[in-house]
Amino acid sequence: MRHLAAYLLLQVGGNASPSAADVKKVLDAVGIEADEERLEKLISELDGKDVAALITEGSNKLASVPSGGAAAASSGGAAAAAGGAAAEEKEEEKKEEEKEESDDDMGFGLFD
């Protein structure tokens, strides 16, 4: 993943065809040692291919994969906002419960 991320950063930065040495420089800059085998495989797999087209193709493939949360997420922005508000309410309730539970010991513990 880190090799691919460095490759994509180089492309966004204007290097249309990053080399293995370019990717190594990026990884070295952040203190990550490059795995030669994986890096060479990545470079050979992406050589001569348009990364934007590969990302679009992959996104289309992922869109066709059924997932449990996709129906709820695609039902609209209002439903998502309502779900977010409900999650916030649950978090507030949990915080309140935690405070109440800590008051039960009345300042001392059983084995103090």
PDB file of N, CA and C in Angstrom:
ATOM      1  N   MET A   1       0.815  -1.188   0.000  1.00  0.00           N
ATOM      2  CA  MET A   1       0.000   0.000   0.000  1.00  0.00           C
ATOM      3  C   MET A   1       0.862   1.256   0.000  1.00  0.00           C
ATOM      4  N   ARG A   2       1.904   1.248   0.811  1.00  0.00           N
ATOM      5  CA  ARG A   2       2.735   2.446   0.896  1.00  0.00           C
ATOM      6  C   ARG A   2       3.461   2.716  -0.411  1.00  0.00           C
ATOM      7  N   HIS A   3       3.799   1.661  -1.136  1.00  0.00           N
ATOM      8  CA  HIS A   3       4.451   1.842  -2.428  1.00  0.00           C
ATOM      9  C   HIS A   3       3.488   2.498  -3.421  1.00  0.00           C
ATOM     10  N   LEU A   4       2.264   2.009  -3.414  1.00  0.00           N
ATOM     11  CA  LEU A   4       1.246   2.572  -4.299  1.00  0.00           C
ATOM     12  C   LEU A   4       0.946   4.019  -3.927  1.00  0.00           C
ATOM     13  N   ALA A   5       0.864   4.306  -2.640  1.00  0.00           N
ATOM     14  CA  ALA A   5       0.589   5.672  -2.194  1.00  0.00           C
ATOM     15  C   ALA A   5       1.699   6.616  -2.648  1.00  0.00           C
ATOM     16  N   ALA A   6       2.943   6.175  -2.513  1.00  0.00           N
ATOM     17  CA  ALA A   6       4.067   7.005  -2.954  1.00  0.00           C
ATOM     18  C   ALA A   6       4.023   7.202  -4.468  1.00  0.00           C
ATOM     19  N   TYR A   7       3.685   6.150  -5.202  1.00  0.00           N
ATOM     20  CA  TYR A   7       3.576   6.236  -6.662  1.00  0.00           C
ATOM     21  C   TYR A   7       2.512   7.257  -7.054  1.00  0.00           C
ATOM     22  N   LEU A   8       1.353   7.178  -6.397  1.00  0.00           N
ATOM     23  CA  LEU A   8       0.262   8.107  -6.704  1.00  0.00           C
ATOM     24  C   LEU A   8       0.618   9.540  -6.318  1.00  0.00           C
ATOM     25  N   LEU A   9       1.320   9.724  -5.208  1.00  0.00           N
ATOM     26  CA  LEU A   9       1.768  11.068  -4.824  1.00  0.00           C
ATOM     27  C   LEU A   9       2.687  11.660  -5.892  1.00  0.00           C
ATOM     28  N   LEU A  10       3.565  10.832  -6.412  1.00  0.00           N
ATOM     29  CA  LEU A  10       4.471  11.304  -7.464  1.00  0.00           C
ATOM     30  C   LEU A  10       3.686  11.699  -8.711  1.00  0.00           C
ATOM     31  N   GLN A  11       2.669  10.922  -9.046  1.00  0.00           N
ATOM     32  CA  GLN A  11       1.861  11.252 -10.226  1.00  0.00           C
ATOM     33  C   GLN A  11       1.095  12.549 -10.014  1.00  0.00           C
ATOM     34  N   VAL A  12       0.522  12.713  -8.851  1.00  0.00           N
ATOM     35  CA  VAL A  12      -0.209  13.948  -8.557  1.00  0.00           C
ATOM     36  C   VAL A  12       0.742  15.139  -8.601  1.00  0.00           C
ATOM     37  N   GLY A  13       1.974  14.901  -8.198  1.00  0.00           N
ATOM     38  CA  GLY A  13       2.988  15.954  -8.195  1.00  0.00           C
ATOM     39  C   GLY A  13       3.519  16.301  -9.571  1.00  0.00           C
ATOM     40  N   GLY A  14       3.105  15.576 -10.606  1.00  0.00           N
ATOM     41  CA  GLY A  14       3.493  15.928 -11.960  1.00  0.00           C
ATOM     42  C   GLY A  14       4.386  14.914 -12.661  1.00  0.00           C
ATOM     43  N   ASN A  15       4.823  13.875 -11.965  1.00  0.00           N
ATOM     44  CA  ASN A  15       5.652  12.843 -12.582  1.00  0.00           C
ATOM     45  C   ASN A  15       4.720  11.802 -13.192  1.00  0.00           C
ATOM     46  N   ALA A  16       4.555  11.836 -14.517  1.00  0.00           N
ATOM     47  CA  ALA A  16       3.585  10.973 -15.196  1.00  0.00           C
ATOM     48  C   ALA A  16       3.964   9.498 -15.129  1.00  0.00           C
ATOM     49  N   SER A  17       5.248   9.198 -15.051  1.00  0.00           N
ATOM     50  CA  SER A  17       5.693   7.810 -15.016  1.00  0.00           C
ATOM     51  C   SER A  17       6.807   7.645 -13.978  1.00  0.00           C
ATOM     52  N   PRO A  18       6.465   7.579 -12.706  1.00  0.00           N
ATOM     53  CA  PRO A  18       7.477   7.454 -11.656  1.00  0.00           C
ATOM     54  C   PRO A  18       8.260   6.138 -11.768  1.00  0.00           C
ATOM     55  N   SER A  19       9.529   6.210 -11.494  1.00  0.00           N
ATOM     56  CA  SER A  19      10.376   5.022 -11.504  1.00  0.00           C
ATOM     57  C   SER A  19      10.488   4.457 -10.092  1.00  0.00           C
ATOM     58  N   ALA A  20      11.110   3.297  -9.991  1.00  0.00           N
ATOM     59  CA  ALA A  20      11.318   2.677  -8.683  1.00  0.00           C
ATOM     60  C   ALA A  20      12.185   3.572  -7.809  1.00  0.00           C
ATOM     61  N   ALA A  21      13.171   4.215  -8.414  1.00  0.00           N
ATOM     62  CA  ALA A  21      14.050   5.108  -7.660  1.00  0.00           C
ATOM     63  C   ALA A  21      13.274   6.304  -7.117  1.00  0.00           C
ATOM     64  N   ASP A  22      12.329   6.827  -7.908  1.00  0.00           N
ATOM     65  CA  ASP A  22      11.508   7.945  -7.457  1.00  0.00           C
ATOM     66  C   ASP A  22      10.664   7.552  -6.237  1.00  0.00           C
ATOM     67  N   VAL A  23      10.068   6.369  -6.321  1.00  0.00           N
ATOM     68  CA  VAL A  23       9.234   5.888  -5.219  1.00  0.00           C
ATOM     69  C   VAL A  23      10.090   5.677  -3.976  1.00  0.00           C
ATOM     70  N   LYS A  24      11.294   5.136  -4.150  1.00  0.00           N
ATOM     71  CA  LYS A  24      12.202   4.926  -3.017  1.00  0.00           C
ATOM     72  C   LYS A  24      12.547   6.245  -2.338  1.00  0.00           C
ATOM     73  N   LYS A  25      12.757   7.304  -3.131  1.00  0.00           N
ATOM     74  CA  LYS A  25      13.087   8.609  -2.562  1.00  0.00           C
ATOM     75  C   LYS A  25      11.956   9.115  -1.678  1.00  0.00           C
ATOM     76  N   VAL A  26      10.722   8.949  -2.150  1.00  0.00           N
ATOM     77  CA  VAL A  26       9.567   9.400  -1.373  1.00  0.00           C
ATOM     78  C   VAL A  26       9.468   8.606  -0.070  1.00  0.00           C
ATOM     79  N   LEU A  27       9.613   7.295  -0.170  1.00  0.00           N
ATOM     80  CA  LEU A  27       9.518   6.459   1.030  1.00  0.00           C
ATOM     81  C   LEU A  27      10.660   6.742   2.001  1.00  0.00           C
ATOM     82  N   ASP A  28      11.865   6.946   1.481  1.00  0.00           N
ATOM     83  CA  ASP A  28      13.007   7.267   2.341  1.00  0.00           C
ATOM     84  C   ASP A  28      12.798   8.591   3.064  1.00  0.00           C
ATOM     85  N   ALA A  29      12.132   9.531   2.400  1.00  0.00           N
ATOM     86  CA  ALA A  29      11.908  10.853   2.991  1.00  0.00           C
ATOM     87  C   ALA A  29      11.058  10.772   4.260  1.00  0.00           C
ATOM     88  N   VAL A  30      10.215   9.745   4.347  1.00  0.00           N
ATOM     89  CA  VAL A  30       9.369   9.601   5.534  1.00  0.00           C
ATOM     90  C   VAL A  30       9.816   8.450   6.426  1.00  0.00           C
ATOM     91  N   GLY A  31      11.001   7.920   6.149  1.00  0.00           N
ATOM     92  CA  GLY A  31      11.586   6.906   7.007  1.00  0.00           C
ATOM     93  C   GLY A  31      11.066   5.496   6.800  1.00  0.00           C
ATOM     94  N   ILE A  32      10.585   5.193   5.596  1.00  0.00           N
ATOM     95  CA  ILE A  32      10.074   3.857   5.303  1.00  0.00           C
ATOM     96  C   ILE A  32      11.030   3.171   4.336  1.00  0.00           C
ATOM     97  N   GLU A  33      11.388   1.940   4.662  1.00  0.00           N
ATOM     98  CA  GLU A  33      12.273   1.173   3.787  1.00  0.00           C
ATOM     99  C   GLU A  33      11.430   0.494   2.707  1.00  0.00           C
ATOM    100  N   ALA A  34      11.834   0.653   1.457  1.00  0.00           N
ATOM    101  CA  ALA A  34      11.097   0.086   0.331  1.00  0.00           C
ATOM    102  C   ALA A  34      11.397  -1.398   0.191  1.00  0.00           C
ATOM    103  N   ASP A  35      10.383  -2.180  -0.108  1.00  0.00           N
ATOM    104  CA  ASP A  35      10.530  -3.599  -0.395  1.00  0.00           C
ATOM    105  C   ASP A  35      10.769  -3.732  -1.898  1.00  0.00           C
ATOM    106  N   GLU A  36      11.982  -4.120  -2.265  1.00  0.00           N
ATOM    107  CA  GLU A  36      12.387  -4.169  -3.674  1.00  0.00           C
ATOM    108  C   GLU A  36      11.445  -5.016  -4.517  1.00  0.00           C
ATOM    109  N   GLU A  37      11.095  -6.181  -4.031  1.00  0.00           N
ATOM    110  CA  GLU A  37      10.265  -7.107  -4.807  1.00  0.00           C
ATOM    111  C   GLU A  37       8.888  -6.507  -5.091  1.00  0.00           C
ATOM    112  N   ARG A  38       8.256  -5.983  -4.063  1.00  0.00           N
ATOM    113  CA  ARG A  38       6.923  -5.387  -4.233  1.00  0.00           C
ATOM    114  C   ARG A  38       6.978  -4.136  -5.103  1.00  0.00           C
ATOM    115  N   LEU A  39       8.014  -3.350  -4.919  1.00  0.00           N
ATOM    116  CA  LEU A  39       8.154  -2.127  -5.693  1.00  0.00           C
ATOM    117  C   LEU A  39       8.329  -2.436  -7.170  1.00  0.00           C
ATOM    118  N   GLU A  40       9.170  -3.400  -7.491  1.00  0.00           N
ATOM    119  CA  GLU A  40       9.388  -3.775  -8.895  1.00  0.00           C
ATOM    120  C   GLU A  40       8.107  -4.329  -9.511  1.00  0.00           C
ATOM    121  N   LYS A  41       7.350  -5.105  -8.734  1.00  0.00           N
ATOM    122  CA  LYS A  41       6.088  -5.647  -9.243  1.00  0.00           C
ATOM    123  C   LYS A  41       5.098  -4.515  -9.520  1.00  0.00           C
ATOM    124  N   LEU A  42       5.018  -3.554  -8.610  1.00  0.00           N
ATOM    125  CA  LEU A  42       4.122  -2.408  -8.796  1.00  0.00           C
ATOM    126  C   LEU A  42       4.490  -1.634 -10.054  1.00  0.00           C
ATOM    127  N   ILE A  43       5.764  -1.340 -10.208  1.00  0.00           N
ATOM    128  CA  ILE A  43       6.220  -0.573 -11.370  1.00  0.00           C
ATOM    129  C   ILE A  43       5.922  -1.326 -12.661  1.00  0.00           C
ATOM    130  N   SER A  44       6.160  -2.632 -12.667  1.00  0.00           N
ATOM    131  CA  SER A  44       5.905  -3.418 -13.884  1.00  0.00           C
ATOM    132  C   SER A  44       4.414  -3.511 -14.186  1.00  0.00           C
ATOM    133  N   GLU A  45       3.582  -3.615 -13.158  1.00  0.00           N
ATOM    134  CA  GLU A  45       2.131  -3.699 -13.356  1.00  0.00           C
ATOM    135  C   GLU A  45       1.547  -2.384 -13.886  1.00  0.00           C
ATOM    136  N   LEU A  46       2.088  -1.268 -13.436  1.00  0.00           N
ATOM    137  CA  LEU A  46       1.543   0.031 -13.819  1.00  0.00           C
ATOM    138  C   LEU A  46       2.222   0.644 -15.042  1.00  0.00           C
ATOM    139  N   ASP A  47       3.268   0.003 -15.532  1.00  0.00           N
ATOM    140  CA  ASP A  47       4.027   0.533 -16.659  1.00  0.00           C
ATOM    141  C   ASP A  47       3.143   0.668 -17.906  1.00  0.00           C
ATOM    142  N   GLY A  48       3.031   1.885 -18.407  1.00  0.00           N
ATOM    143  CA  GLY A  48       2.274   2.152 -19.621  1.00  0.00           C
ATOM    144  C   GLY A  48       0.770   2.236 -19.435  1.00  0.00           C
ATOM    145  N   LYS A  49       0.298   2.202 -18.208  1.00  0.00           N
ATOM    146  CA  LYS A  49      -1.145   2.258 -17.956  1.00  0.00           C
ATOM    147  C   LYS A  49      -1.521   3.610 -17.368  1.00  0.00           C
ATOM    148  N   ASP A  50      -2.738   4.044 -17.663  1.00  0.00           N
ATOM    149  CA  ASP A  50      -3.266   5.289 -17.130  1.00  0.00           C
ATOM    150  C   ASP A  50      -3.879   4.998 -15.758  1.00  0.00           C
ATOM    151  N   VAL A  51      -3.289   5.546 -14.726  1.00  0.00           N
ATOM    152  CA  VAL A  51      -3.730   5.265 -13.363  1.00  0.00           C
ATOM    153  C   VAL A  51      -5.151   5.775 -13.130  1.00  0.00           C
ATOM    154  N   ALA A  52      -5.502   6.909 -13.701  1.00  0.00           N
ATOM    155  CA  ALA A  52      -6.863   7.442 -13.536  1.00  0.00           C
ATOM    156  C   ALA A  52      -7.887   6.463 -14.102  1.00  0.00           C
ATOM    157  N   ALA A  53      -7.577   5.856 -15.250  1.00  0.00           N
ATOM    158  CA  ALA A  53      -8.483   4.874 -15.851  1.00  0.00           C
ATOM    159  C   ALA A  53      -8.571   3.617 -14.984  1.00  0.00           C
ATOM    160  N   LEU A  54      -7.448   3.214 -14.385  1.00  0.00           N
ATOM    161  CA  LEU A  54      -7.457   2.045 -13.502  1.00  0.00           C
ATOM    162  C   LEU A  54      -8.308   2.303 -12.259  1.00  0.00           C
ATOM    163  N   ILE A  55      -8.220   3.513 -11.721  1.00  0.00           N
ATOM    164  CA  ILE A  55      -9.009   3.863 -10.534  1.00  0.00           C
ATOM    165  C   ILE A  55     -10.496   3.862 -10.878  1.00  0.00           C
ATOM    166  N   THR A  56     -10.848   4.420 -12.034  1.00  0.00           N
ATOM    167  CA  THR A  56     -12.244   4.440 -12.467  1.00  0.00           C
ATOM    168  C   THR A  56     -12.772   3.028 -12.668  1.00  0.00           C
ATOM    169  N   GLU A  57     -11.967   2.192 -13.306  1.00  0.00           N
ATOM    170  CA  GLU A  57     -12.354   0.797 -13.528  1.00  0.00           C
ATOM    171  C   GLU A  57     -12.554   0.069 -12.199  1.00  0.00           C
ATOM    172  N   GLY A  58     -11.651   0.287 -11.256  1.00  0.00           N
ATOM    173  CA  GLY A  58     -11.768  -0.342  -9.946  1.00  0.00           C
ATOM    174  C   GLY A  58     -12.989   0.152  -9.184  1.00  0.00           C
ATOM    175  N   SER A  59     -13.282   1.442  -9.293  1.00  0.00           N
ATOM    176  CA  SER A  59     -14.461   2.004  -8.621  1.00  0.00           C
ATOM    177  C   SER A  59     -15.738   1.386  -9.167  1.00  0.00           C
ATOM    178  N   ASN A  60     -15.789   1.191 -10.494  1.00  0.00           N
ATOM    179  CA  ASN A  60     -16.967   0.570 -11.102  1.00  0.00           C
ATOM    180  C   ASN A  60     -17.129  -0.869 -10.623  1.00  0.00           C
ATOM    181  N   LYS A  61     -16.022  -1.578 -10.484  1.00  0.00           N
ATOM    182  CA  LYS A  61     -16.089  -2.952  -9.989  1.00  0.00           C
ATOM    183  C   LYS A  61     -16.563  -2.978  -8.543  1.00  0.00           C
ATOM    184  N   LEU A  62     -16.077  -2.057  -7.721  1.00  0.00           N
ATOM    185  CA  LEU A  62     -16.491  -2.008  -6.320  1.00  0.00           C
ATOM    186  C   LEU A  62     -17.958  -1.628  -6.184  1.00  0.00           C
ATOM    187  N   ALA A  63     -18.443  -0.805  -7.089  1.00  0.00           N
ATOM    188  CA  ALA A  63     -19.838  -0.380  -7.019  1.00  0.00           C
ATOM    189  C   ALA A  63     -20.778  -1.552  -7.250  1.00  0.00           C
ATOM    190  N   SER A  64     -20.330  -2.563  -7.984  1.00  0.00           N
ATOM    191  CA  SER A  64     -21.189  -3.705  -8.275  1.00  0.00           C
ATOM    192  C   SER A  64     -21.138  -4.769  -7.186  1.00  0.00           C
ATOM    193  N   VAL A  65     -20.263  -4.606  -6.199  1.00  0.00           N
ATOM    194  CA  VAL A  65     -20.153  -5.575  -5.108  1.00  0.00           C
ATOM    195  C   VAL A  65     -21.209  -5.249  -4.060  1.00  0.00           C
ATOM    196  N   PRO A  66     -22.059  -6.230  -3.740  1.00  0.00           N
ATOM    197  CA  PRO A  66     -23.080  -5.955  -2.723  1.00  0.00           C
ATOM    198  C   PRO A  66     -22.450  -5.859  -1.339  1.00  0.00           C
ATOM    199  N   SER A  67     -22.970  -4.926  -0.567  1.00  0.00           N
ATOM    200  CA  SER A  67     -22.496  -4.774   0.806  1.00  0.00           C
ATOM    201  C   SER A  67     -23.671  -4.401   1.681  1.00  0.00           C
ATOM    202  N   GLY A  68     -23.595  -4.737   2.933  1.00  0.00           N
ATOM    203  CA  GLY A  68     -24.709  -4.519   3.850  1.00  0.00           C
ATOM    204  C   GLY A  68     -25.070  -3.068   4.053  1.00  0.00           C
ATOM    205  N   GLY A  69     -24.098  -2.166   4.052  1.00  0.00           N
ATOM    206  CA  GLY A  69     -24.373  -0.772   4.337  1.00  0.00           C
ATOM    207  C   GLY A  69     -24.692   0.060   3.124  1.00  0.00           C
ATOM    208  N   ALA A  70     -24.581  -0.483   1.942  1.00  0.00           N
ATOM    209  CA  ALA A  70     -24.760   0.308   0.726  1.00  0.00           C
ATOM    210  C   ALA A  70     -26.185   0.808   0.575  1.00  0.00           C
ATOM    211  N   ALA A  71     -27.180   0.020   0.925  1.00  0.00           N
ATOM    212  CA  ALA A  71     -28.567   0.437   0.756  1.00  0.00           C
ATOM    213  C   ALA A  71     -28.890   1.628   1.650  1.00  0.00           C
ATOM    214  N   ALA A  72     -28.416   1.611   2.857  1.00  0.00           N
ATOM    215  CA  ALA A  72     -28.685   2.716   3.770  1.00  0.00           C
ATOM    216  C   ALA A  72     -27.937   3.973   3.327  1.00  0.00           C
ATOM    217  N   ALA A  73     -26.732   3.816   2.843  1.00  0.00           N
ATOM    218  CA  ALA A  73     -25.945   4.965   2.435  1.00  0.00           C
ATOM    219  C   ALA A  73     -26.494   5.591   1.170  1.00  0.00           C
ATOM    220  N   SER A  74     -27.088   4.798   0.290  1.00  0.00           N
ATOM    221  CA  SER A  74     -27.574   5.342  -0.971  1.00  0.00           C
ATOM    222  C   SER A  74     -29.003   5.862  -0.873  1.00  0.00           C
ATOM    223  N   SER A  75     -29.622   5.789   0.299  1.00  0.00           N
ATOM    224  CA  SER A  75     -31.008   6.201   0.425  1.00  0.00           C
ATOM    225  C   SER A  75     -31.183   7.713   0.465  1.00  0.00           C
ATOM    226  N   GLY A  76     -30.114   8.467   0.553  1.00  0.00           N
ATOM    227  CA  GLY A  76     -30.236   9.913   0.474  1.00  0.00           C
ATOM    228  C   GLY A  76     -29.500  10.616   1.596  1.00  0.00           C
ATOM    229  N   GLY A  77     -29.255  11.901   1.363  1.00  0.00           N
ATOM    230  CA  GLY A  77     -28.518  12.690   2.333  1.00  0.00           C
ATOM    231  C   GLY A  77     -29.280  12.914   3.616  1.00  0.00           C
ATOM    232  N   ALA A  78     -30.610  13.028   3.541  1.00  0.00           N
ATOM    233  CA  ALA A  78     -31.402  13.278   4.738  1.00  0.00           C
ATOM    234  C   ALA A  78     -31.331  12.089   5.681  1.00  0.00           C
ATOM    235  N   ALA A  79     -31.373  10.905   5.124  1.00  0.00           N
ATOM    236  CA  ALA A  79     -31.291   9.717   5.959  1.00  0.00           C
ATOM    237  C   ALA A  79     -29.920   9.622   6.609  1.00  0.00           C
ATOM    238  N   ALA A  80     -28.898   9.977   5.874  1.00  0.00           N
ATOM    239  CA  ALA A  80     -27.544   9.930   6.428  1.00  0.00           C
ATOM    240  C   ALA A  80     -27.404  10.946   7.551  1.00  0.00           C
ATOM    241  N   ALA A  81     -27.986  12.127   7.360  1.00  0.00           N
ATOM    242  CA  ALA A  81     -27.914  13.146   8.404  1.00  0.00           C
ATOM    243  C   ALA A  81     -28.681  12.705   9.643  1.00  0.00           C
ATOM    244  N   ALA A  82     -29.832  12.068   9.442  1.00  0.00           N
ATOM    245  CA  ALA A  82     -30.613  11.584  10.572  1.00  0.00           C
ATOM    246  C   ALA A  82     -29.859  10.490  11.298  1.00  0.00           C
ATOM    247  N   GLY A  83     -29.192   9.616  10.536  1.00  0.00           N
ATOM    248  CA  GLY A  83     -28.400   8.553  11.152  1.00  0.00           C
ATOM    249  C   GLY A  83     -27.259   9.127  11.952  1.00  0.00           C
ATOM    250  N   GLY A  84     -26.644  10.190  11.459  1.00  0.00           N
ATOM    251  CA  GLY A  84     -25.550  10.832  12.179  1.00  0.00           C
ATOM    252  C   GLY A  84     -26.030  11.443  13.478  1.00  0.00           C
ATOM    253  N   ALA A  85     -27.234  12.045  13.456  1.00  0.00           N
ATOM    254  CA  ALA A  85     -27.789  12.642  14.667  1.00  0.00           C
ATOM    255  C   ALA A  85     -28.106  11.565  15.700  1.00  0.00           C
ATOM    256  N   ALA A  86     -28.606  10.422  15.220  1.00  0.00           N
ATOM    257  CA  ALA A  86     -28.919   9.332  16.141  1.00  0.00           C
ATOM    258  C   ALA A  86     -27.643   8.795  16.774  1.00  0.00           C
ATOM    259  N   ALA A  87     -26.572   8.714  15.994  1.00  0.00           N
ATOM    260  CA  ALA A  87     -25.296   8.228  16.528  1.00  0.00           C
ATOM    261  C   ALA A  87     -24.767   9.178  17.594  1.00  0.00           C
ATOM    262  N   GLU A  88     -24.933  10.485  17.357  1.00  0.00           N
ATOM    263  CA  GLU A  88     -24.482  11.468  18.341  1.00  0.00           C
ATOM    264  C   GLU A  88     -25.275  11.334  19.641  1.00  0.00           C
ATOM    265  N   GLU A  89     -26.584  11.093  19.524  1.00  0.00           N
ATOM    266  CA  GLU A  89     -27.414  10.937  20.712  1.00  0.00           C
ATOM    267  C   GLU A  89     -26.976   9.720  21.512  1.00  0.00           C
ATOM    268  N   LYS A  90     -26.650   8.621  20.814  1.00  0.00           N
ATOM    269  CA  LYS A  90     -26.207   7.417  21.501  1.00  0.00           C
ATOM    270  C   LYS A  90     -24.902   7.663  22.233  1.00  0.00           C
ATOM    271  N   GLU A  91     -23.993   8.411  21.589  1.00  0.00           N
ATOM    272  CA  GLU A  91     -22.723   8.724  22.230  1.00  0.00           C
ATOM    273  C   GLU A  91     -22.945   9.542  23.500  1.00  0.00           C
ATOM    274  N   GLU A  92     -23.870  10.525  23.425  1.00  0.00           N
ATOM    275  CA  GLU A  92     -24.163  11.349  24.595  1.00  0.00           C
ATOM    276  C   GLU A  92     -24.746  10.497  25.715  1.00  0.00           C
ATOM    277  N   GLU A  93     -25.623   9.547  25.355  1.00  0.00           N
ATOM    278  CA  GLU A  93     -26.220   8.675  26.359  1.00  0.00           C
ATOM    279  C   GLU A  93     -25.150   7.828  27.029  1.00  0.00           C
ATOM    280  N   LYS A  94     -24.222   7.306  26.242  1.00  0.00           N
ATOM    281  CA  LYS A  94     -23.148   6.488  26.797  1.00  0.00           C
ATOM    282  C   LYS A  94     -22.305   7.297  27.770  1.00  0.00           C
ATOM    283  N   LYS A  95     -21.989   8.550  27.394  1.00  0.00           N
ATOM    284  CA  LYS A  95     -21.195   9.406  28.270  1.00  0.00           C
ATOM    285  C   LYS A  95     -21.927   9.646  29.588  1.00  0.00           C
ATOM    286  N   GLU A  96     -23.244   9.894  29.492  1.00  0.00           N
ATOM    287  CA  GLU A  96     -24.019  10.129  30.696  1.00  0.00           C
ATOM    288  C   GLU A  96     -24.041   8.888  31.571  1.00  0.00           C
ATOM    289  N   GLU A  97     -24.179   7.705  30.955  1.00  0.00           N
ATOM    290  CA  GLU A  97     -24.197   6.462  31.718  1.00  0.00           C
ATOM    291  C   GLU A  97     -22.863   6.244  32.410  1.00  0.00           C
ATOM    292  N   GLU A  98     -21.770   6.540  31.720  1.00  0.00           N
ATOM    293  CA  GLU A  98     -20.454   6.373  32.320  1.00  0.00           C
ATOM    294  C   GLU A  98     -20.301   7.275  33.544  1.00  0.00           C
ATOM    295  N   LYS A  99     -20.805   8.501  33.448  1.00  0.00           N
ATOM    296  CA  LYS A  99     -20.730   9.414  34.587  1.00  0.00           C
ATOM    297  C   LYS A  99     -21.550   8.879  35.754  1.00  0.00           C
ATOM    298  N   GLU A 100     -22.734   8.367  35.481  1.00  0.00           N
ATOM    299  CA  GLU A 100     -23.591   7.841  36.528  1.00  0.00           C
ATOM    300  C   GLU A 100     -22.950   6.643  37.205  1.00  0.00           C
ATOM    301  N   GLU A 101     -22.340   5.763  36.411  1.00  0.00           N
ATOM    302  CA  GLU A 101     -21.713   4.576  36.974  1.00  0.00           C
ATOM    303  C   GLU A 101     -20.557   4.946  37.887  1.00  0.00           C
ATOM    304  N   SER A 102     -19.812   5.981  37.545  1.00  0.00           N
ATOM    305  CA  SER A 102     -18.681   6.369  38.367  1.00  0.00           C
ATOM    306  C   SER A 102     -19.149   6.966  39.698  1.00  0.00           C
ATOM    307  N   ASP A 103     -20.373   7.486  39.757  1.00  0.00           N
ATOM    308  CA  ASP A 103     -20.913   8.033  40.997  1.00  0.00           C
ATOM    309  C   ASP A 103     -21.368   6.934  41.949  1.00  0.00           C
ATOM    310  N   ASP A 104     -21.580   5.724  41.450  1.00  0.00           N
ATOM    311  CA  ASP A 104     -22.078   4.631  42.284  1.00  0.00           C
ATOM    312  C   ASP A 104     -21.110   4.237  43.391  1.00  0.00           C
ATOM    313  N   ASP A 105     -19.808   4.421  43.187  1.00  0.00           N
ATOM    314  CA  ASP A 105     -18.857   3.991  44.208  1.00  0.00           C
ATOM    315  C   ASP A 105     -18.722   5.001  45.341  1.00  0.00           C
ATOM    316  N   MET A 106     -19.330   6.162  45.235  1.00  0.00           N
ATOM    317  CA  MET A 106     -19.384   7.206  46.264  1.00  0.00           C
ATOM    318  C   MET A 106     -18.013   7.597  46.796  1.00  0.00           C
ATOM    319  N   GLY A 107     -17.015   7.545  45.951  1.00  0.00           N
ATOM    320  CA  GLY A 107     -15.704   8.045  46.334  1.00  0.00           C
ATOM    321  C   GLY A 107     -14.776   7.030  46.946  1.00  0.00           C
ATOM    322  N   PHE A 108     -15.222   5.825  47.162  1.00  0.00           N
ATOM    323  CA  PHE A 108     -14.315   4.801  47.695  1.00  0.00           C
ATOM    324  C   PHE A 108     -14.589   3.469  47.000  1.00  0.00           C
ATOM    325  N   GLY A 109     -13.598   2.632  46.987  1.00  0.00           N
ATOM    326  CA  GLY A 109     -13.728   1.333  46.373  1.00  0.00           C
ATOM    327  C   GLY A 109     -13.863   0.246  47.403  1.00  0.00           C
ATOM    328  N   LEU A 110     -14.243  -0.910  46.997  1.00  0.00           N
ATOM    329  CA  LEU A 110     -14.446  -2.035  47.891  1.00  0.00           C
ATOM    330  C   LEU A 110     -13.154  -2.466  48.570  1.00  0.00           C
ATOM    331  N   PHE A 111     -12.023  -2.377  47.842  1.00  0.00           N
ATOM    332  CA  PHE A 111     -10.768  -2.886  48.374  1.00  0.00           C
ATOM    333  C   PHE A 111      -9.789  -1.767  48.702  1.00  0.00           C
ATOM    334  N   ASP A 112     -10.236  -0.565  48.905  1.00  0.00           N
ATOM    335  CA  ASP A 112      -9.329   0.552  49.236  1.00  0.00           C
ATOM    336  C   ASP A 112      -8.880   0.500  50.662  1.00  0.00           C
TER     337      ASP A 112
END
